[in-house]
Amino acid sequence: MVDETGNVILPAVSAGHPLLSDVVLTNIRKWKFQPTPHSFTMEVSYKFALRGEEESSPSEEVIFNLPHHVEIVASAVRMLAEPSR
């Protein structure tokens, strides 16, 4: 839900892996929309994908197909090699 001032309020995750839910909520809370006369509700789908090591693209990329889709692609090799925090 977005309020009249353009701030995201009451973000919620309807499905997906619990480890990624916090990432999605943190990201969507940062979004800012143009002010409108009324609050409104919208649905945004986040797609997380791991890229194989044979692909030579950057190790991570975010693709925005707004207003309803965000795709986050990361290298599986990089993610497995990084120490846990």
C-alpha atoms as a PDB file:
ATOM      1  CA  MET A   1       0.000   0.000   0.000  1.00  0.00           C
ATOM      2  CA  VAL A   2       1.191   3.507  -0.861  1.00  0.00           C
ATOM      3  CA  ASP A   3      -0.169   6.505   1.049  1.00  0.00           C
ATOM      4  CA  GLU A   4      -1.145   9.911  -0.368  1.00  0.00           C
ATOM      5  CA  THR A   5       2.370  11.293   0.158  1.00  0.00           C
ATOM      6  CA  GLY A   6       3.944   8.493  -1.910  1.00  0.00           C
ATOM      7  CA  ASN A   7       5.395   6.489   0.983  1.00  0.00           C
ATOM      8  CA  VAL A   8       5.106   2.697   1.081  1.00  0.00           C
ATOM      9  CA  ILE A   9       3.104   1.639   4.125  1.00  0.00           C
ATOM     10  CA  LEU A  10       2.098  -1.831   5.275  1.00  0.00           C
ATOM     11  CA  PRO A  11       4.391  -3.807   2.950  1.00  0.00           C
ATOM     12  CA  ALA A  12       3.736  -7.547   3.005  1.00  0.00           C
ATOM     13  CA  VAL A  13       5.172 -10.675   1.434  1.00  0.00           C
ATOM     14  CA  SER A  14       2.590 -13.159   0.165  1.00  0.00           C
ATOM     15  CA  ALA A  15       4.905 -16.016  -0.894  1.00  0.00           C
ATOM     16  CA  GLY A  16       8.534 -16.998  -1.225  1.00  0.00           C
ATOM     17  CA  HIS A  17      11.478 -18.199   0.804  1.00  0.00           C
ATOM     18  CA  PRO A  18      11.635 -16.686   4.309  1.00  0.00           C
ATOM     19  CA  LEU A  19      15.322 -15.732   3.906  1.00  0.00           C
ATOM     20  CA  LEU A  20      14.418 -13.485   0.973  1.00  0.00           C
ATOM     21  CA  SER A  21      11.324 -11.928   2.582  1.00  0.00           C
ATOM     22  CA  ASP A  22      13.382  -9.537   4.726  1.00  0.00           C
ATOM     23  CA  VAL A  23      15.383  -8.445   1.675  1.00  0.00           C
ATOM     24  CA  VAL A  24      12.195  -7.692  -0.250  1.00  0.00           C
ATOM     25  CA  LEU A  25      10.573  -5.781   2.624  1.00  0.00           C
ATOM     26  CA  THR A  26      13.714  -3.718   3.246  1.00  0.00           C
ATOM     27  CA  ASN A  27      13.933  -2.815  -0.434  1.00  0.00           C
ATOM     28  CA  ILE A  28      10.263  -1.968  -1.003  1.00  0.00           C
ATOM     29  CA  ARG A  29      10.152   0.285   2.081  1.00  0.00           C
ATOM     30  CA  LYS A  30      12.743   2.521   0.372  1.00  0.00           C
ATOM     31  CA  TRP A  31      10.550   3.123  -2.686  1.00  0.00           C
ATOM     32  CA  LYS A  32       8.968   6.571  -3.071  1.00  0.00           C
ATOM     33  CA  PHE A  33       6.070   7.368  -5.400  1.00  0.00           C
ATOM     34  CA  GLN A  34       4.597  10.635  -6.635  1.00  0.00           C
ATOM     35  CA  PRO A  35       1.978  12.046  -4.228  1.00  0.00           C
ATOM     36  CA  THR A  36      -1.616  11.228  -5.205  1.00  0.00           C
ATOM     37  CA  PRO A  37      -5.050  12.327  -3.950  1.00  0.00           C
ATOM     38  CA  HIS A  38      -5.715   8.829  -2.535  1.00  0.00           C
ATOM     39  CA  SER A  39      -3.715   5.922  -1.171  1.00  0.00           C
ATOM     40  CA  PHE A  40      -3.474   2.881  -3.416  1.00  0.00           C
ATOM     41  CA  THR A  41      -2.435  -0.747  -3.329  1.00  0.00           C
ATOM     42  CA  MET A  42      -0.141  -2.431  -5.818  1.00  0.00           C
ATOM     43  CA  GLU A  43       1.553  -5.795  -6.149  1.00  0.00           C
ATOM     44  CA  VAL A  44       5.230  -6.123  -7.060  1.00  0.00           C
ATOM     45  CA  SER A  45       6.836  -9.481  -7.899  1.00  0.00           C
ATOM     46  CA  TYR A  46      10.493 -10.040  -7.048  1.00  0.00           C
ATOM     47  CA  LYS A  47      12.273 -12.842  -8.898  1.00  0.00           C
ATOM     48  CA  PHE A  48      15.582 -14.116  -7.531  1.00  0.00           C
ATOM     49  CA  ALA A  49      17.772 -16.210  -9.846  1.00  0.00           C
ATOM     50  CA  LEU A  50      21.218 -17.784  -9.633  1.00  0.00           C
ATOM     51  CA  ARG A  51      23.364 -17.629 -12.748  1.00  0.00           C
ATOM     52  CA  GLY A  52      25.644 -20.539 -13.663  1.00  0.00           C
ATOM     53  CA  GLU A  53      29.420 -20.103 -13.690  1.00  0.00           C
ATOM     54  CA  GLU A  54      29.539 -20.400 -17.510  1.00  0.00           C
ATOM     55  CA  GLU A  55      27.849 -17.016 -17.878  1.00  0.00           C
ATOM     56  CA  SER A  56      30.320 -14.141 -17.901  1.00  0.00           C
ATOM     57  CA  SER A  57      27.974 -11.295 -16.974  1.00  0.00           C
ATOM     58  CA  PRO A  58      28.541  -9.143 -13.869  1.00  0.00           C
ATOM     59  CA  SER A  59      28.306 -11.106 -10.624  1.00  0.00           C
ATOM     60  CA  GLU A  60      25.024  -9.424  -9.700  1.00  0.00           C
ATOM     61  CA  GLU A  61      22.428  -7.378 -11.517  1.00  0.00           C
ATOM     62  CA  VAL A  62      19.015  -5.938 -10.739  1.00  0.00           C
ATOM     63  CA  ILE A  63      16.507  -5.593 -13.558  1.00  0.00           C
ATOM     64  CA  PHE A  64      13.558  -3.260 -13.052  1.00  0.00           C
ATOM     65  CA  ASN A  65      10.496  -3.874 -15.182  1.00  0.00           C
ATOM     66  CA  LEU A  66       8.387  -1.475 -13.164  1.00  0.00           C
ATOM     67  CA  PRO A  67       5.927  -0.984 -11.797  1.00  0.00           C
ATOM     68  CA  HIS A  68       5.267  -4.642 -11.084  1.00  0.00           C
ATOM     69  CA  HIS A  69       8.456  -6.717 -11.509  1.00  0.00           C
ATOM     70  CA  VAL A  70      11.963  -6.670 -10.071  1.00  0.00           C
ATOM     71  CA  GLU A  71      14.478  -9.378 -11.003  1.00  0.00           C
ATOM     72  CA  ILE A  72      17.682  -9.974  -9.040  1.00  0.00           C
ATOM     73  CA  VAL A  73      20.281 -12.239 -10.664  1.00  0.00           C
ATOM     74  CA  ALA A  74      23.465 -13.309  -8.867  1.00  0.00           C
ATOM     75  CA  SER A  75      26.341 -15.620  -9.660  1.00  0.00           C
ATOM     76  CA  ALA A  76      25.977 -18.947  -7.852  1.00  0.00           C
ATOM     77  CA  VAL A  77      29.760 -19.323  -7.649  1.00  0.00           C
ATOM     78  CA  ARG A  78      30.210 -15.932  -5.950  1.00  0.00           C
ATOM     79  CA  MET A  79      27.428 -16.591  -3.454  1.00  0.00           C
ATOM     80  CA  LEU A  80      28.869 -19.969  -2.450  1.00  0.00           C
ATOM     81  CA  ALA A  81      32.393 -18.581  -2.098  1.00  0.00           C
ATOM     82  CA  GLU A  82      31.499 -15.645   0.167  1.00  0.00           C
ATOM     83  CA  PRO A  83      31.741 -16.240   3.919  1.00  0.00           C
ATOM     84  CA  SER A  84      28.468 -16.151   5.826  1.00  0.00           C
ATOM     85  CA  ARG A  85      27.722 -13.099   7.950  1.00  0.00           C
END
